[in-house]
PDB file of all heavy atoms in Angstrom:
ATOM      1  N   ALA A   1       0.839  -1.213  -0.005  1.00  0.00           N
ATOM      2  CA  ALA A   1       0.024   0.005   0.005  1.00  0.00           C
ATOM      3  C   ALA A   1       0.877   1.251   0.010  1.00  0.00           C
ATOM      4  O   ALA A   1       0.540   2.218  -0.694  1.00  0.00           O
ATOM      5  CB  ALA A   1      -0.933  -0.026   1.185  1.00  0.00           C
ATOM      6  N   ILE A   2       1.895   1.249   0.703  1.00  0.00           N
ATOM      7  CA  ILE A   2       2.876   2.363   0.810  1.00  0.00           C
ATOM      8  C   ILE A   2       3.523   2.614  -0.599  1.00  0.00           C
ATOM      9  O   ILE A   2       3.548   3.720  -1.097  1.00  0.00           O
ATOM     10  CB  ILE A   2       3.960   2.195   1.840  1.00  0.00           C
ATOM     11  CG1 ILE A   2       3.309   2.294   3.232  1.00  0.00           C
ATOM     12  CG2 ILE A   2       5.097   3.170   1.712  1.00  0.00           C
ATOM     13  CD1 ILE A   2       4.224   1.895   4.397  1.00  0.00           C
ATOM     14  N   VAL A   3       3.951   1.487  -1.257  1.00  0.00           N
ATOM     15  CA  VAL A   3       4.540   1.594  -2.559  1.00  0.00           C
ATOM     16  C   VAL A   3       3.554   2.178  -3.561  1.00  0.00           C
ATOM     17  O   VAL A   3       3.825   3.073  -4.360  1.00  0.00           O
ATOM     18  CB  VAL A   3       5.101   0.240  -3.004  1.00  0.00           C
ATOM     19  CG1 VAL A   3       5.452   0.202  -4.485  1.00  0.00           C
ATOM     20  CG2 VAL A   3       6.245  -0.164  -2.158  1.00  0.00           C
ATOM     21  N   ALA A   4       2.292   1.668  -3.498  1.00  0.00           N
ATOM     22  CA  ALA A   4       1.261   2.170  -4.410  1.00  0.00           C
ATOM     23  C   ALA A   4       0.936   3.639  -4.167  1.00  0.00           C
ATOM     24  O   ALA A   4       0.764   4.381  -5.120  1.00  0.00           O
ATOM     25  CB  ALA A   4      -0.029   1.270  -4.234  1.00  0.00           C
ATOM     26  N   ALA A   5       0.860   4.028  -2.855  1.00  0.00           N
ATOM     27  CA  ALA A   5       0.584   5.425  -2.558  1.00  0.00           C
ATOM     28  C   ALA A   5       1.705   6.314  -3.067  1.00  0.00           C
ATOM     29  O   ALA A   5       1.473   7.412  -3.566  1.00  0.00           O
ATOM     30  CB  ALA A   5       0.396   5.568  -1.059  1.00  0.00           C
ATOM     31  N   ARG A   6       2.933   5.900  -2.893  1.00  0.00           N
ATOM     32  CA  ARG A   6       4.046   6.696  -3.411  1.00  0.00           C
ATOM     33  C   ARG A   6       4.038   6.800  -4.897  1.00  0.00           C
ATOM     34  O   ARG A   6       4.262   7.907  -5.431  1.00  0.00           O
ATOM     35  CB  ARG A   6       5.428   6.055  -2.942  1.00  0.00           C
ATOM     36  CG  ARG A   6       5.762   6.290  -1.536  1.00  0.00           C
ATOM     37  CD  ARG A   6       7.105   5.703  -1.155  1.00  0.00           C
ATOM     38  NE  ARG A   6       7.414   5.945   0.262  1.00  0.00           N
ATOM     39  CZ  ARG A   6       8.217   5.240   0.932  1.00  0.00           C
ATOM     40  NH1 ARG A   6       8.874   4.190   0.374  1.00  0.00           N
ATOM     41  NH2 ARG A   6       8.453   5.535   2.223  1.00  0.00           N
ATOM     42  N   ALA A   7       3.710   5.738  -5.577  1.00  0.00           N
ATOM     43  CA  ALA A   7       3.621   5.791  -7.074  1.00  0.00           C
ATOM     44  C   ALA A   7       2.485   6.713  -7.495  1.00  0.00           C
ATOM     45  O   ALA A   7       2.687   7.510  -8.428  1.00  0.00           O
ATOM     46  CB  ALA A   7       3.407   4.387  -7.598  1.00  0.00           C
ATOM     47  N   ALA A   8       1.389   6.650  -6.821  1.00  0.00           N
ATOM     48  CA  ALA A   8       0.274   7.531  -7.115  1.00  0.00           C
ATOM     49  C   ALA A   8       0.606   9.000  -6.933  1.00  0.00           C
ATOM     50  O   ALA A   8       0.303   9.891  -7.701  1.00  0.00           O
ATOM     51  CB  ALA A   8      -1.012   7.164  -6.329  1.00  0.00           C
ATOM     52  N   ALA A   9       1.304   9.220  -5.780  1.00  0.00           N
ATOM     53  CA  ALA A   9       1.685  10.640  -5.481  1.00  0.00           C
ATOM     54  C   ALA A   9       2.710  11.148  -6.481  1.00  0.00           C
ATOM     55  O   ALA A   9       2.623  12.317  -6.940  1.00  0.00           O
ATOM     56  CB  ALA A   9       2.290  10.707  -4.088  1.00  0.00           C
ATOM     57  N   ALA A  10       3.640  10.309  -6.898  1.00  0.00           N
ATOM     58  CA  ALA A  10       4.630  10.699  -7.923  1.00  0.00           C
ATOM     59  C   ALA A  10       3.958  11.029  -9.225  1.00  0.00           C
ATOM     60  O   ALA A  10       4.259  11.984  -9.922  1.00  0.00           O
ATOM     61  CB  ALA A  10       5.667   9.604  -8.092  1.00  0.00           C
ATOM     62  N   GLU A  11       2.963  10.218  -9.603  1.00  0.00           N
ATOM     63  CA  GLU A  11       2.223  10.441 -10.848  1.00  0.00           C
ATOM     64  C   GLU A  11       1.433  11.722 -10.763  1.00  0.00           C
ATOM     65  O   GLU A  11       1.394  12.556 -11.761  1.00  0.00           O
ATOM     66  CB  GLU A  11       1.274   9.313 -11.179  1.00  0.00           C
ATOM     67  CG  GLU A  11       0.500   9.446 -12.450  1.00  0.00           C
ATOM     68  CD  GLU A  11       1.326   9.555 -13.699  1.00  0.00           C
ATOM     69  OE1 GLU A  11       2.512   9.304 -13.699  1.00  0.00           O
ATOM     70  OE2 GLU A  11       0.710   9.915 -14.736  1.00  0.00           O
ATOM     71  N   GLU A  12       0.805  12.018  -9.644  1.00  0.00           N
ATOM     72  CA  GLU A  12       0.070  13.292  -9.437  1.00  0.00           C
ATOM     73  C   GLU A  12       1.023  14.462  -9.542  1.00  0.00           C
ATOM     74  O   GLU A  12       0.719  15.475 -10.145  1.00  0.00           O
ATOM     75  CB  GLU A  12      -0.647  13.259  -8.088  1.00  0.00           C
ATOM     76  CG  GLU A  12      -1.901  12.420  -8.097  1.00  0.00           C
ATOM     77  CD  GLU A  12      -2.636  12.483  -6.836  1.00  0.00           C
ATOM     78  OE1 GLU A  12      -2.547  13.507  -6.096  1.00  0.00           O
ATOM     79  OE2 GLU A  12      -3.309  11.528  -6.449  1.00  0.00           O
ATOM     80  N   ALA A  13       2.195  14.320  -8.975  1.00  0.00           N
ATOM     81  CA  ALA A  13       3.174  15.421  -9.029  1.00  0.00           C
ATOM     82  C   ALA A  13       3.624  15.638 -10.444  1.00  0.00           C
ATOM     83  O   ALA A  13       3.805  16.757 -10.902  1.00  0.00           O
ATOM     84  CB  ALA A  13       4.371  15.140  -8.135  1.00  0.00           C
ATOM     85  N   ARG A  14       3.838  14.566 -11.177  1.00  0.00           N
ATOM     86  CA  ARG A  14       4.230  14.629 -12.600  1.00  0.00           C
ATOM     87  C   ARG A  14       3.174  15.385 -13.431  1.00  0.00           C
ATOM     88  O   ARG A  14       3.482  16.267 -14.222  1.00  0.00           O
ATOM     89  CB  ARG A  14       4.519  13.278 -13.148  1.00  0.00           C
ATOM     90  CG  ARG A  14       5.102  13.293 -14.605  1.00  0.00           C
ATOM     91  CD  ARG A  14       5.210  11.900 -15.153  1.00  0.00           C
ATOM     92  NE  ARG A  14       3.876  11.334 -15.488  1.00  0.00           N
ATOM     93  CZ  ARG A  14       3.180  11.613 -16.593  1.00  0.00           C
ATOM     94  NH1 ARG A  14       3.628  12.550 -17.436  1.00  0.00           N
ATOM     95  NH2 ARG A  14       2.020  11.091 -16.799  1.00  0.00           N
ATOM     96  N   LEU A  15       1.953  14.955 -13.216  1.00  0.00           N
ATOM     97  CA  LEU A  15       0.804  15.625 -13.958  1.00  0.00           C
ATOM     98  C   LEU A  15       0.649  17.058 -13.557  1.00  0.00           C
ATOM     99  O   LEU A  15       0.401  17.932 -14.429  1.00  0.00           O
ATOM    100  CB  LEU A  15      -0.515  14.827 -13.719  1.00  0.00           C
ATOM    101  CG  LEU A  15      -0.569  13.456 -14.304  1.00  0.00           C
ATOM    102  CD1 LEU A  15      -1.825  12.728 -13.866  1.00  0.00           C
ATOM    103  CD2 LEU A  15      -0.382  13.477 -15.824  1.00  0.00           C
ATOM    104  N   ALA A  16       0.838  17.378 -12.318  1.00  0.00           N
ATOM    105  CA  ALA A  16       0.782  18.780 -11.862  1.00  0.00           C
ATOM    106  C   ALA A  16       1.899  19.597 -12.440  1.00  0.00           C
ATOM    107  O   ALA A  16       1.690  20.715 -12.866  1.00  0.00           O
ATOM    108  CB  ALA A  16       0.846  18.849 -10.329  1.00  0.00           C
ATOM    109  N   GLU A  17       3.080  19.005 -12.543  1.00  0.00           N
ATOM    110  CA  GLU A  17       4.220  19.728 -13.134  1.00  0.00           C
ATOM    111  C   GLU A  17       3.953  19.963 -14.653  1.00  0.00           C
ATOM    112  O   GLU A  17       4.272  21.085 -15.150  1.00  0.00           O
ATOM    113  CB  GLU A  17       5.540  18.922 -12.999  1.00  0.00           C
ATOM    114  CG  GLU A  17       6.728  19.655 -13.476  1.00  0.00           C
ATOM    115  CD  GLU A  17       7.989  18.865 -13.381  1.00  0.00           C
ATOM    116  OE1 GLU A  17       8.034  17.842 -12.756  1.00  0.00           O
ATOM    117  OE2 GLU A  17       8.996  19.385 -13.859  1.00  0.00           O
ATOM    118  N   LEU A  18       3.355  19.020 -15.346  1.00  0.00           N
ATOM    119  CA  LEU A  18       3.019  19.250 -16.726  1.00  0.00           C
ATOM    120  C   LEU A  18       1.970  20.374 -16.840  1.00  0.00           C
ATOM    121  O   LEU A  18       2.061  21.243 -17.717  1.00  0.00           O
ATOM    122  CB  LEU A  18       2.435  17.986 -17.381  1.00  0.00           C
ATOM    123  CG  LEU A  18       3.391  16.872 -17.617  1.00  0.00           C
ATOM    124  CD1 LEU A  18       2.705  15.604 -18.093  1.00  0.00           C
ATOM    125  CD2 LEU A  18       4.472  17.264 -18.609  1.00  0.00           C
ATOM    126  N   ALA A  19       1.001  20.445 -15.971  1.00  0.00           N
ATOM    127  CA  ALA A  19      -0.021  21.518 -15.953  1.00  0.00           C
ATOM    128  C   ALA A  19       0.694  22.838 -15.711  1.00  0.00           C
ATOM    129  O   ALA A  19       0.278  23.839 -16.370  1.00  0.00           O
ATOM    130  CB  ALA A  19      -1.106  21.217 -14.933  1.00  0.00           C
ATOM    131  N   VAL A  20       1.630  22.889 -14.801  1.00  0.00           N
ATOM    132  CA  VAL A  20       2.309  24.122 -14.514  1.00  0.00           C
ATOM    133  C   VAL A  20       3.107  24.576 -15.762  1.00  0.00           C
ATOM    134  O   VAL A  20       3.117  25.773 -16.066  1.00  0.00           O
ATOM    135  CB  VAL A  20       3.236  23.941 -13.296  1.00  0.00           C
ATOM    136  CG1 VAL A  20       4.244  25.089 -13.172  1.00  0.00           C
ATOM    137  CG2 VAL A  20       2.440  23.792 -12.017  1.00  0.00           C
ATOM    138  N   ARG A  21       3.762  23.680 -16.420  1.00  0.00           N
ATOM    139  CA  ARG A  21       4.488  24.034 -17.635  1.00  0.00           C
ATOM    140  C   ARG A  21       3.580  24.605 -18.736  1.00  0.00           C
ATOM    141  O   ARG A  21       3.916  25.591 -19.349  1.00  0.00           O
ATOM    142  CB  ARG A  21       5.217  22.776 -18.234  1.00  0.00           C
ATOM    143  CG  ARG A  21       6.414  22.380 -17.402  1.00  0.00           C
ATOM    144  CD  ARG A  21       7.113  21.213 -18.107  1.00  0.00           C
ATOM    145  NE  ARG A  21       8.129  20.693 -17.249  1.00  0.00           N
ATOM    146  CZ  ARG A  21       8.782  19.595 -17.525  1.00  0.00           C
ATOM    147  NH1 ARG A  21       8.530  18.880 -18.630  1.00  0.00           N
ATOM    148  NH2 ARG A  21       9.688  19.130 -16.704  1.00  0.00           N
ATOM    149  N   ARG A  22       2.369  24.006 -18.872  1.00  0.00           N
ATOM    150  CA  ARG A  22       1.426  24.540 -19.799  1.00  0.00           C
ATOM    151  C   ARG A  22       0.986  25.945 -19.376  1.00  0.00           C
ATOM    152  O   ARG A  22       0.846  26.857 -20.185  1.00  0.00           O
ATOM    153  CB  ARG A  22       0.209  23.622 -19.944  1.00  0.00           C
ATOM    154  CG  ARG A  22       0.472  22.375 -20.781  1.00  0.00           C
ATOM    155  CD  ARG A  22      -0.844  21.705 -21.101  1.00  0.00           C
ATOM    156  NE  ARG A  22      -1.554  21.230 -19.890  1.00  0.00           N
ATOM    157  CZ  ARG A  22      -1.375  20.075 -19.313  1.00  0.00           C
ATOM    158  NH1 ARG A  22      -0.514  19.230 -19.699  1.00  0.00           N
ATOM    159  NH2 ARG A  22      -2.102  19.776 -18.187  1.00  0.00           N
ATOM    160  N   ALA A  23       0.720  26.102 -18.090  1.00  0.00           N
ATOM    161  CA  ALA A  23       0.298  27.433 -17.555  1.00  0.00           C
ATOM    162  C   ALA A  23       1.391  28.492 -17.777  1.00  0.00           C
ATOM    163  O   ALA A  23       1.085  29.616 -18.125  1.00  0.00           O
ATOM    164  CB  ALA A  23      -0.069  27.284 -16.076  1.00  0.00           C
ATOM    165  N   ILE A  24       2.661  28.103 -17.602  1.00  0.00           N
ATOM    166  CA  ILE A  24       3.738  29.046 -17.833  1.00  0.00           C
ATOM    167  C   ILE A  24       3.783  29.478 -19.295  1.00  0.00           C
ATOM    168  O   ILE A  24       3.879  30.657 -19.586  1.00  0.00           O
ATOM    169  CB  ILE A  24       5.118  28.389 -17.405  1.00  0.00           C
ATOM    170  CG1 ILE A  24       5.173  28.340 -15.913  1.00  0.00           C
ATOM    171  CG2 ILE A  24       6.267  29.262 -17.969  1.00  0.00           C
ATOM    172  CD1 ILE A  24       6.364  27.534 -15.394  1.00  0.00           C
ATOM    173  N   GLY A  25       3.635  28.529 -20.188  1.00  0.00           N
ATOM    174  CA  GLY A  25       3.568  28.835 -21.606  1.00  0.00           C
ATOM    175  C   GLY A  25       2.410  29.750 -21.962  1.00  0.00           C
ATOM    176  O   GLY A  25       2.556  30.685 -22.703  1.00  0.00           O
ATOM    177  N   LEU A  26       1.238  29.495 -21.365  1.00  0.00           N
ATOM    178  CA  LEU A  26       0.083  30.350 -21.636  1.00  0.00           C
ATOM    179  C   LEU A  26       0.262  31.743 -21.069  1.00  0.00           C
ATOM    180  O   LEU A  26      -0.125  32.723 -21.697  1.00  0.00           O
ATOM    181  CB  LEU A  26      -1.167  29.678 -21.051  1.00  0.00           C
ATOM    182  CG  LEU A  26      -1.629  28.437 -21.789  1.00  0.00           C
ATOM    183  CD1 LEU A  26      -2.760  27.758 -21.020  1.00  0.00           C
ATOM    184  CD2 LEU A  26      -2.010  28.715 -23.220  1.00  0.00           C
ATOM    185  N   ALA A  27       0.882  31.849 -19.871  1.00  0.00           N
ATOM    186  CA  ALA A  27       1.181  33.186 -19.265  1.00  0.00           C
ATOM    187  C   ALA A  27       2.126  33.941 -20.159  1.00  0.00           C
ATOM    188  O   ALA A  27       1.923  35.153 -20.339  1.00  0.00           O
ATOM    189  CB  ALA A  27       1.690  33.006 -17.838  1.00  0.00           C
ATOM    190  N   ARG A  28       3.110  33.307 -20.653  1.00  0.00           N
ATOM    191  CA  ARG A  28       4.091  33.951 -21.524  1.00  0.00           C
ATOM    192  C   ARG A  28       3.385  34.433 -22.810  1.00  0.00           C
ATOM    193  O   ARG A  28       3.621  35.537 -23.271  1.00  0.00           O
ATOM    194  CB  ARG A  28       5.244  33.034 -21.847  1.00  0.00           C
ATOM    195  CG  ARG A  28       6.201  32.868 -20.668  1.00  0.00           C
ATOM    196  CD  ARG A  28       7.319  31.881 -20.991  1.00  0.00           C
ATOM    197  NE  ARG A  28       8.193  31.799 -19.823  1.00  0.00           N
ATOM    198  CZ  ARG A  28       9.094  30.843 -19.656  1.00  0.00           C
ATOM    199  NH1 ARG A  28       9.273  29.938 -20.572  1.00  0.00           N
ATOM    200  NH2 ARG A  28       9.852  30.818 -18.571  1.00  0.00           N
ATOM    201  N   GLU A  29       2.573  33.548 -23.391  1.00  0.00           N
ATOM    202  CA  GLU A  29       1.847  33.938 -24.577  1.00  0.00           C
ATOM    203  C   GLU A  29       0.916  35.117 -24.359  1.00  0.00           C
ATOM    204  O   GLU A  29       0.809  36.023 -25.144  1.00  0.00           O
ATOM    205  CB  GLU A  29       1.059  32.732 -25.121  1.00  0.00           C
ATOM    206  CG  GLU A  29       0.327  33.014 -26.402  1.00  0.00           C
ATOM    207  CD  GLU A  29      -0.449  31.757 -26.854  1.00  0.00           C
ATOM    208  OE1 GLU A  29      -0.133  30.642 -26.506  1.00  0.00           O
ATOM    209  OE2 GLU A  29      -1.392  31.985 -27.646  1.00  0.00           O
ATOM    210  N   ALA A  30       0.195  35.055 -23.210  1.00  0.00           N
ATOM    211  CA  ALA A  30      -0.697  36.145 -22.823  1.00  0.00           C
ATOM    212  C   ALA A  30       0.053  37.441 -22.696  1.00  0.00           C
ATOM    213  O   ALA A  30      -0.415  38.509 -23.134  1.00  0.00           O
ATOM    214  CB  ALA A  30      -1.478  35.827 -21.587  1.00  0.00           C
ATOM    215  N   ARG A  31       1.232  37.396 -22.059  1.00  0.00           N
ATOM    216  CA  ARG A  31       2.025  38.591 -21.858  1.00  0.00           C
ATOM    217  C   ARG A  31       2.419  39.218 -23.218  1.00  0.00           C
ATOM    218  O   ARG A  31       2.390  40.430 -23.347  1.00  0.00           O
ATOM    219  CB  ARG A  31       3.310  38.280 -21.063  1.00  0.00           C
ATOM    220  CG  ARG A  31       4.020  39.535 -20.691  1.00  0.00           C
ATOM    221  CD  ARG A  31       5.382  39.224 -20.048  1.00  0.00           C
ATOM    222  NE  ARG A  31       6.009  40.380 -19.518  1.00  0.00           N
ATOM    223  CZ  ARG A  31       6.535  41.417 -20.260  1.00  0.00           C
ATOM    224  NH1 ARG A  31       6.450  41.338 -21.619  1.00  0.00           N
ATOM    225  NH2 ARG A  31       7.091  42.466 -19.732  1.00  0.00           N
ATOM    226  N   GLU A  32       2.732  38.379 -24.170  1.00  0.00           N
ATOM    227  CA  GLU A  32       3.063  38.919 -25.490  1.00  0.00           C
ATOM    228  C   GLU A  32       1.879  39.515 -26.217  1.00  0.00           C
ATOM    229  O   GLU A  32       2.059  40.430 -27.037  1.00  0.00           O
ATOM    230  CB  GLU A  32       3.688  37.775 -26.345  1.00  0.00           C
ATOM    231  CG  GLU A  32       5.035  37.319 -25.874  1.00  0.00           C
ATOM    232  CD  GLU A  32       5.576  36.100 -26.581  1.00  0.00           C
ATOM    233  OE1 GLU A  32       4.981  35.755 -27.643  1.00  0.00           O
ATOM    234  OE2 GLU A  32       6.610  35.520 -26.162  1.00  0.00           O
ATOM    235  N   LEU A  33       0.691  38.997 -25.923  1.00  0.00           N
ATOM    236  CA  LEU A  33      -0.461  39.506 -26.569  1.00  0.00           C
ATOM    237  C   LEU A  33      -1.081  40.787 -25.962  1.00  0.00           C
ATOM    238  O   LEU A  33      -1.895  41.428 -26.570  1.00  0.00           O
ATOM    239  CB  LEU A  33      -1.598  38.406 -26.587  1.00  0.00           C
ATOM    240  CG  LEU A  33      -1.222  37.175 -27.418  1.00  0.00           C
ATOM    241  CD1 LEU A  33      -2.297  36.110 -27.202  1.00  0.00           C
ATOM    242  CD2 LEU A  33      -1.054  37.518 -28.900  1.00  0.00           C
TER     243      LEU A  33
END
């Protein structure tokens, strides 16, 4: 259960990081516009 919870948390962090990267790109694009 601990191993599964760690894997799930790592996947959530990875997905959150991808969302943050997209948001950074959108913020930069908005700034230019």
